Amino acid sequence: MTKRTPLIAGNWKMNLDHLQAIALIQKLCWTLNDADHNWDQVEVAIFPPFTDLRSAQTLIEAEKFEVRLGAQDISKYESGAYTGEISGSMLSKLGAKYVLIGHSERRQYHNESDELLNAKVKAAWANSLVPIICVGETLEELETQGQSAVPVAQTIAALSGHETIGEFVIAYEPVWAIGTGKVATPAEAEAVSKAIRAAILENFGGESAQSRILYGGSVKAANVAGFLASGEVDGVLVGGASLDAEEFAGIARFQKHIVL
C-alpha cells in the first residue's frame, strides 16, 4: 500500500473573529512545536471563516508556521456580479491550499446539488486548490441504503465529467455523527473508505485511487488513533474540537497513541 501523509484538518465553521483566529493559530502551532510535532509526517490544516483568512495568512507567513490554510467554500464562478461569492483566485491569493466542498451543512442548509459541487471542484482545480470533497449519509439513508452507497455516489458525482482529474481529498462524514456525539466505529470508517477507494479506482484510475480519504464526525484526541491505526483512513476532518488548541494538537499527535 502506497504511503500517504495523514491530513488532520480543522473546520472552524462560523466561529472566531480574526483576532481570536490569530490567538488560536499561535497557541496551536506553539503547542505542536513544543511537542516536537513531525510536520513532514503529519500535515495539519485549518479552515477559518473567510473573514479570518488574511489575518491567518499574514501570521502563518510571518512566523513560518507549518500549518496549512484552507477555505470553507468556493464559488463556481471566477468573477462577476455574484454578491457574497468568493472565487478560487481570491482564495489562492490568500495562501489557501485546500477548500472544503460539499460539506453536509452546505448540502442541507443551502440545497447544494451534486451538479453545483461538481462545478466547484472544477473551480478549485482551475485555481490550483485541492478540494476536500465531503460525502456522507443521513440516518435515514443509512437505514435504507446501507453505509457506503451514498458516499460512493457523491464521490463519483463530484469527480465525473472533468477533462482531467487533479489532486483531491475525500472526507467521509456520516451526517448522523456530526456534532451528535455519535461516532462510526473504526471498522465502519475503514469499510466505507475501502468502498470509496474501490469506486475511485474503477471509475477514475489507479493514480486517483491513491488520494487521501479522511473520516469526520465527533473526532477527539481520545478516539482518533482508532480510526487511523489501520492505514485505510488517511486523516480526519475535525469540527468543534479544532477550536481548542490543545485538543486539536492532541489529535494531530495521534501517532503517539497507536500501538504497532
Protein backbone atom coordinates (compact mmCIF):
# COMPACT_ATOMS: atom_id res chain seq x y z
CA MET A 1 0.00 0.00 0.00
CA THR A 2 1.39 3.40 -1.01
CA LYS A 3 2.24 5.59 1.96
CA ARG A 4 0.01 8.64 2.17
CA THR A 5 0.77 11.55 4.51
CA PRO A 6 -2.01 11.78 7.11
CA LEU A 7 -4.01 15.02 7.00
CA ILE A 8 -5.50 16.48 10.19
CA ALA A 9 -7.97 19.18 9.11
CA GLY A 10 -9.86 21.54 11.42
CA ASN A 11 -13.12 23.09 10.19
CA TRP A 12 -13.86 26.11 12.38
CA LYS A 13 -17.27 26.66 10.75
CA MET A 14 -18.81 30.05 11.66
CA ASN A 15 -16.69 30.65 14.75
CA LEU A 16 -13.94 33.10 15.80
CA ASP A 17 -13.24 36.61 14.53
CA HIS A 18 -9.82 37.47 13.09
CA LEU A 19 -8.33 38.39 16.46
CA GLN A 20 -9.49 35.13 18.03
CA ALA A 21 -8.15 33.31 14.97
CA ILE A 22 -4.68 34.76 15.48
CA ALA A 23 -4.66 33.68 19.11
CA LEU A 24 -5.79 30.14 18.29
CA ILE A 25 -3.25 29.65 15.47
CA GLN A 26 -0.42 30.88 17.70
CA LYS A 27 -1.39 28.57 20.54
CA LEU A 28 -1.87 25.59 18.22
CA CYS A 29 1.48 25.97 16.49
CA TRP A 30 3.37 26.69 19.72
CA THR A 31 1.78 23.61 21.30
CA LEU A 32 2.74 21.38 18.38
CA ASN A 33 6.26 22.78 18.16
CA ASP A 34 6.79 22.26 21.89
CA ALA A 35 5.75 18.64 21.46
CA ASP A 36 8.27 18.08 18.66
CA HIS A 37 5.50 17.52 16.13
CA ASN A 38 6.87 15.99 12.94
CA TRP A 39 5.47 18.27 10.25
CA ASP A 40 6.88 16.05 7.50
CA GLN A 41 4.91 13.02 8.64
CA VAL A 42 1.58 14.61 9.55
CA GLU A 43 0.01 17.53 7.70
CA VAL A 44 -2.16 19.93 9.69
CA ALA A 45 -4.66 22.29 8.03
CA ILE A 46 -7.18 24.79 9.39
CA PHE A 47 -10.33 26.16 7.75
CA PRO A 48 -11.29 29.52 9.29
CA PRO A 49 -14.18 31.72 8.14
CA PHE A 50 -13.48 33.89 5.09
CA THR A 51 -13.08 37.00 7.27
CA ASP A 52 -10.12 35.41 9.08
CA LEU A 53 -8.13 34.22 6.07
CA ARG A 54 -5.98 37.31 5.51
CA SER A 55 -5.03 37.58 9.18
CA ALA A 56 -4.27 33.86 9.26
CA GLN A 57 -2.17 34.09 6.11
CA THR A 58 -0.15 37.03 7.43
CA LEU A 59 0.57 35.27 10.74
CA ILE A 60 1.45 31.92 9.19
CA GLU A 61 3.83 33.50 6.68
CA ALA A 62 5.44 35.88 9.20
CA GLU A 63 6.03 33.19 11.82
CA LYS A 64 6.83 30.48 9.26
CA PHE A 65 4.25 28.20 10.85
CA GLU A 66 3.87 24.89 9.03
CA VAL A 67 0.09 24.69 9.34
CA ARG A 68 -1.78 24.74 6.01
CA LEU A 69 -4.60 27.13 5.28
CA GLY A 70 -7.94 26.19 3.74
CA ALA A 71 -11.28 27.80 2.94
CA GLN A 72 -14.72 26.54 3.87
CA ASP A 73 -16.32 27.05 0.45
CA ILE A 74 -15.69 28.31 -3.08
CA SER A 75 -17.81 29.85 -5.82
CA LYS A 76 -18.19 28.04 -9.10
CA TYR A 77 -17.76 31.46 -10.74
CA GLU A 78 -14.39 33.10 -11.33
CA SER A 79 -15.67 36.70 -11.12
CA GLY A 80 -18.68 38.87 -11.85
CA ALA A 81 -21.95 40.08 -10.36
CA TYR A 82 -22.31 37.36 -7.73
CA THR A 83 -22.76 39.21 -4.45
CA GLY A 84 -21.43 37.33 -1.46
CA GLU A 85 -19.50 34.76 -3.50
CA ILE A 86 -15.76 34.09 -3.07
CA SER A 87 -13.77 32.96 -6.11
CA GLY A 88 -10.97 30.45 -6.29
CA SER A 89 -8.47 33.04 -7.44
CA MET A 90 -9.23 35.13 -4.34
CA LEU A 91 -8.57 32.11 -2.14
CA SER A 92 -5.32 31.30 -3.91
CA LYS A 93 -4.05 34.84 -3.39
CA LEU A 94 -4.80 34.43 0.33
CA GLY A 95 -2.48 31.45 0.52
CA ALA A 96 -5.14 28.76 0.73
CA LYS A 97 -4.08 25.25 -0.26
CA TYR A 98 -7.34 23.44 0.39
CA VAL A 99 -11.05 24.17 0.08
CA LEU A 100 -13.98 22.25 1.55
CA ILE A 101 -16.63 21.30 -0.99
CA GLY A 102 -19.97 19.68 -0.29
CA HIS A 103 -19.98 19.77 3.50
CA SER A 104 -23.25 18.33 4.77
CA GLU A 105 -24.25 21.73 6.17
CA ARG A 106 -23.89 23.27 2.70
CA ARG A 107 -25.86 20.41 1.16
CA GLN A 108 -28.60 20.65 3.80
CA TYR A 109 -28.96 24.36 4.56
CA HIS A 110 -28.04 25.74 1.13
CA ASN A 111 -29.50 22.94 -1.00
CA GLU A 112 -26.22 22.43 -2.86
CA SER A 113 -26.66 19.81 -5.57
CA ASP A 114 -24.19 17.29 -6.95
CA GLU A 115 -24.09 19.35 -10.16
CA LEU A 116 -23.09 22.52 -8.30
CA LEU A 117 -20.46 20.71 -6.26
CA ASN A 118 -19.01 19.20 -9.41
CA ALA A 119 -18.60 22.75 -10.78
CA LYS A 120 -16.95 23.86 -7.53
CA VAL A 121 -14.42 21.03 -7.82
CA LYS A 122 -13.60 22.29 -11.31
CA ALA A 123 -13.20 25.85 -9.98
CA ALA A 124 -10.83 24.62 -7.26
CA TRP A 125 -8.60 22.81 -9.75
CA ALA A 126 -8.60 25.82 -12.08
CA ASN A 127 -7.04 27.85 -9.27
CA SER A 128 -4.52 25.26 -8.03
CA LEU A 129 -6.58 24.48 -4.93
CA VAL A 130 -7.06 20.97 -3.55
CA PRO A 131 -10.76 20.24 -3.00
CA ILE A 132 -11.68 18.28 0.09
CA ILE A 133 -14.91 16.71 -1.09
CA CYS A 134 -17.23 15.93 1.82
CA VAL A 135 -19.53 12.93 1.48
CA GLY A 136 -21.79 11.10 3.89
CA GLU A 137 -25.18 9.62 4.57
CA THR A 138 -28.05 10.70 6.81
CA LEU A 139 -29.51 8.29 9.36
CA GLU A 140 -32.44 7.60 7.03
CA GLU A 141 -30.10 6.88 4.12
CA LEU A 142 -28.00 4.65 6.34
CA GLU A 143 -31.06 2.60 7.28
CA THR A 144 -32.47 2.34 3.76
CA GLN A 145 -29.36 2.17 1.54
CA GLY A 146 -26.56 0.99 3.79
CA GLN A 147 -23.44 2.83 4.83
CA SER A 148 -21.42 3.03 1.60
CA ALA A 149 -23.99 3.73 -1.12
CA VAL A 150 -24.47 7.47 -0.62
CA PRO A 151 -20.82 8.48 -0.01
CA VAL A 152 -19.72 6.43 -3.03
CA ALA A 153 -22.38 8.02 -5.26
CA GLN A 154 -21.50 11.52 -4.03
CA THR A 155 -17.81 10.89 -4.70
CA ILE A 156 -18.43 9.73 -8.26
CA ALA A 157 -20.77 12.67 -8.92
CA ALA A 158 -18.17 15.21 -7.77
CA LEU A 159 -15.36 13.74 -9.88
CA SER A 160 -17.22 12.80 -13.07
CA GLY A 161 -17.15 14.71 -16.34
CA HIS A 162 -13.86 16.59 -15.89
CA GLU A 163 -11.31 16.57 -18.70
CA THR A 164 -8.57 15.74 -16.22
CA ILE A 165 -8.62 14.75 -12.55
CA GLY A 166 -6.48 16.92 -10.29
CA GLU A 167 -5.42 16.34 -6.70
CA PHE A 168 -8.31 15.84 -4.29
CA VAL A 169 -9.18 14.54 -0.85
CA ILE A 170 -12.39 12.77 0.16
CA ALA A 171 -13.80 13.37 3.65
CA TYR A 172 -16.30 10.77 4.78
CA GLU A 173 -18.56 12.39 7.36
CA PRO A 174 -21.67 10.41 8.24
CA VAL A 175 -24.27 13.12 8.79
CA TRP A 176 -25.69 11.25 11.74
CA ALA A 177 -22.32 11.56 13.54
CA ILE A 178 -21.63 15.29 13.03
CA GLY A 179 -21.91 17.20 16.29
CA THR A 180 -24.12 14.50 17.82
CA GLY A 181 -21.56 12.70 19.94
CA LYS A 182 -22.29 9.54 17.94
CA VAL A 183 -19.28 8.11 16.16
CA ALA A 184 -18.90 5.48 13.48
CA THR A 185 -16.68 2.64 14.62
CA PRO A 186 -13.16 2.41 13.20
CA ALA A 187 -14.26 -0.73 11.35
CA GLU A 188 -17.18 1.13 9.76
CA ALA A 189 -14.98 4.07 8.74
CA GLU A 190 -12.45 1.64 7.28
CA ALA A 191 -15.12 -0.23 5.31
CA VAL A 192 -16.53 2.96 3.78
CA SER A 193 -13.04 4.21 2.93
CA LYS A 194 -12.32 0.95 1.12
CA ALA A 195 -15.59 1.21 -0.80
CA ILE A 196 -14.84 4.81 -1.83
CA ARG A 197 -11.31 3.93 -2.90
CA ALA A 198 -12.54 0.96 -4.94
CA ALA A 199 -15.09 3.18 -6.69
CA ILE A 200 -12.42 5.79 -7.47
CA LEU A 201 -10.14 3.10 -8.88
CA GLU A 202 -12.92 1.65 -11.04
CA ASN A 203 -14.13 5.00 -12.39
CA PHE A 204 -11.02 7.21 -12.49
CA GLY A 205 -7.92 5.03 -12.50
CA GLY A 206 -5.08 3.97 -10.25
CA GLU A 207 -3.40 7.31 -9.55
CA SER A 208 -6.66 8.88 -8.32
CA ALA A 209 -7.23 5.88 -6.07
CA GLN A 210 -4.17 6.92 -4.04
CA SER A 211 -5.96 10.10 -2.95
CA ARG A 212 -6.38 10.56 0.77
CA ILE A 213 -9.65 9.67 2.48
CA LEU A 214 -10.49 11.28 5.82
CA TYR A 215 -13.05 10.47 8.48
CA GLY A 216 -15.06 13.14 10.27
CA GLY A 217 -17.76 13.12 12.91
CA SER A 218 -17.24 13.81 16.61
CA VAL A 219 -13.48 13.15 16.37
CA LYS A 220 -11.44 13.81 19.51
CA ALA A 221 -7.92 13.14 20.75
CA ALA A 222 -9.29 10.20 22.74
CA ASN A 223 -10.67 8.32 19.73
CA VAL A 224 -8.64 9.47 16.70
CA ALA A 225 -5.96 6.76 16.91
CA GLY A 226 -8.55 4.04 16.41
CA PHE A 227 -9.61 5.49 13.08
CA LEU A 228 -6.08 5.86 11.73
CA ALA A 229 -4.43 2.71 13.03
CA SER A 230 -5.25 0.53 10.01
CA GLY A 231 -3.84 2.93 7.41
CA GLU A 232 -7.03 2.82 5.31
CA VAL A 233 -8.25 6.13 6.73
CA ASP A 234 -5.68 8.83 5.93
CA GLY A 235 -6.66 11.52 8.40
CA VAL A 236 -9.60 13.28 9.98
CA LEU A 237 -11.80 16.31 9.42
CA VAL A 238 -12.46 17.81 12.84
CA GLY A 239 -15.24 20.22 13.78
CA GLY A 240 -15.75 21.56 17.30
CA ALA A 241 -12.58 20.01 18.72
CA SER A 242 -10.47 22.10 16.31
CA LEU A 243 -11.46 25.25 18.25
CA ASP A 244 -9.47 24.01 21.25
CA ALA A 245 -5.74 24.30 20.52
CA GLU A 246 -4.64 21.63 22.99
CA GLU A 247 -7.35 19.17 21.95
CA PHE A 248 -6.64 19.69 18.26
CA ALA A 249 -2.90 19.36 18.86
CA GLY A 250 -3.63 16.09 20.66
CA ILE A 251 -5.49 14.86 17.59
CA ALA A 252 -2.53 15.84 15.38
CA ARG A 253 -0.26 13.77 17.63
CA PHE A 254 -2.36 10.67 17.06
CA GLN A 255 0.70 8.54 16.25
CA LYS A 256 1.77 8.62 19.90
CA HIS A 257 -1.37 6.62 20.73
CA ILE A 258 -1.12 3.95 18.03
CA VAL A 259 0.35 0.68 19.23
CA LEU A 260 2.07 -1.02 16.30
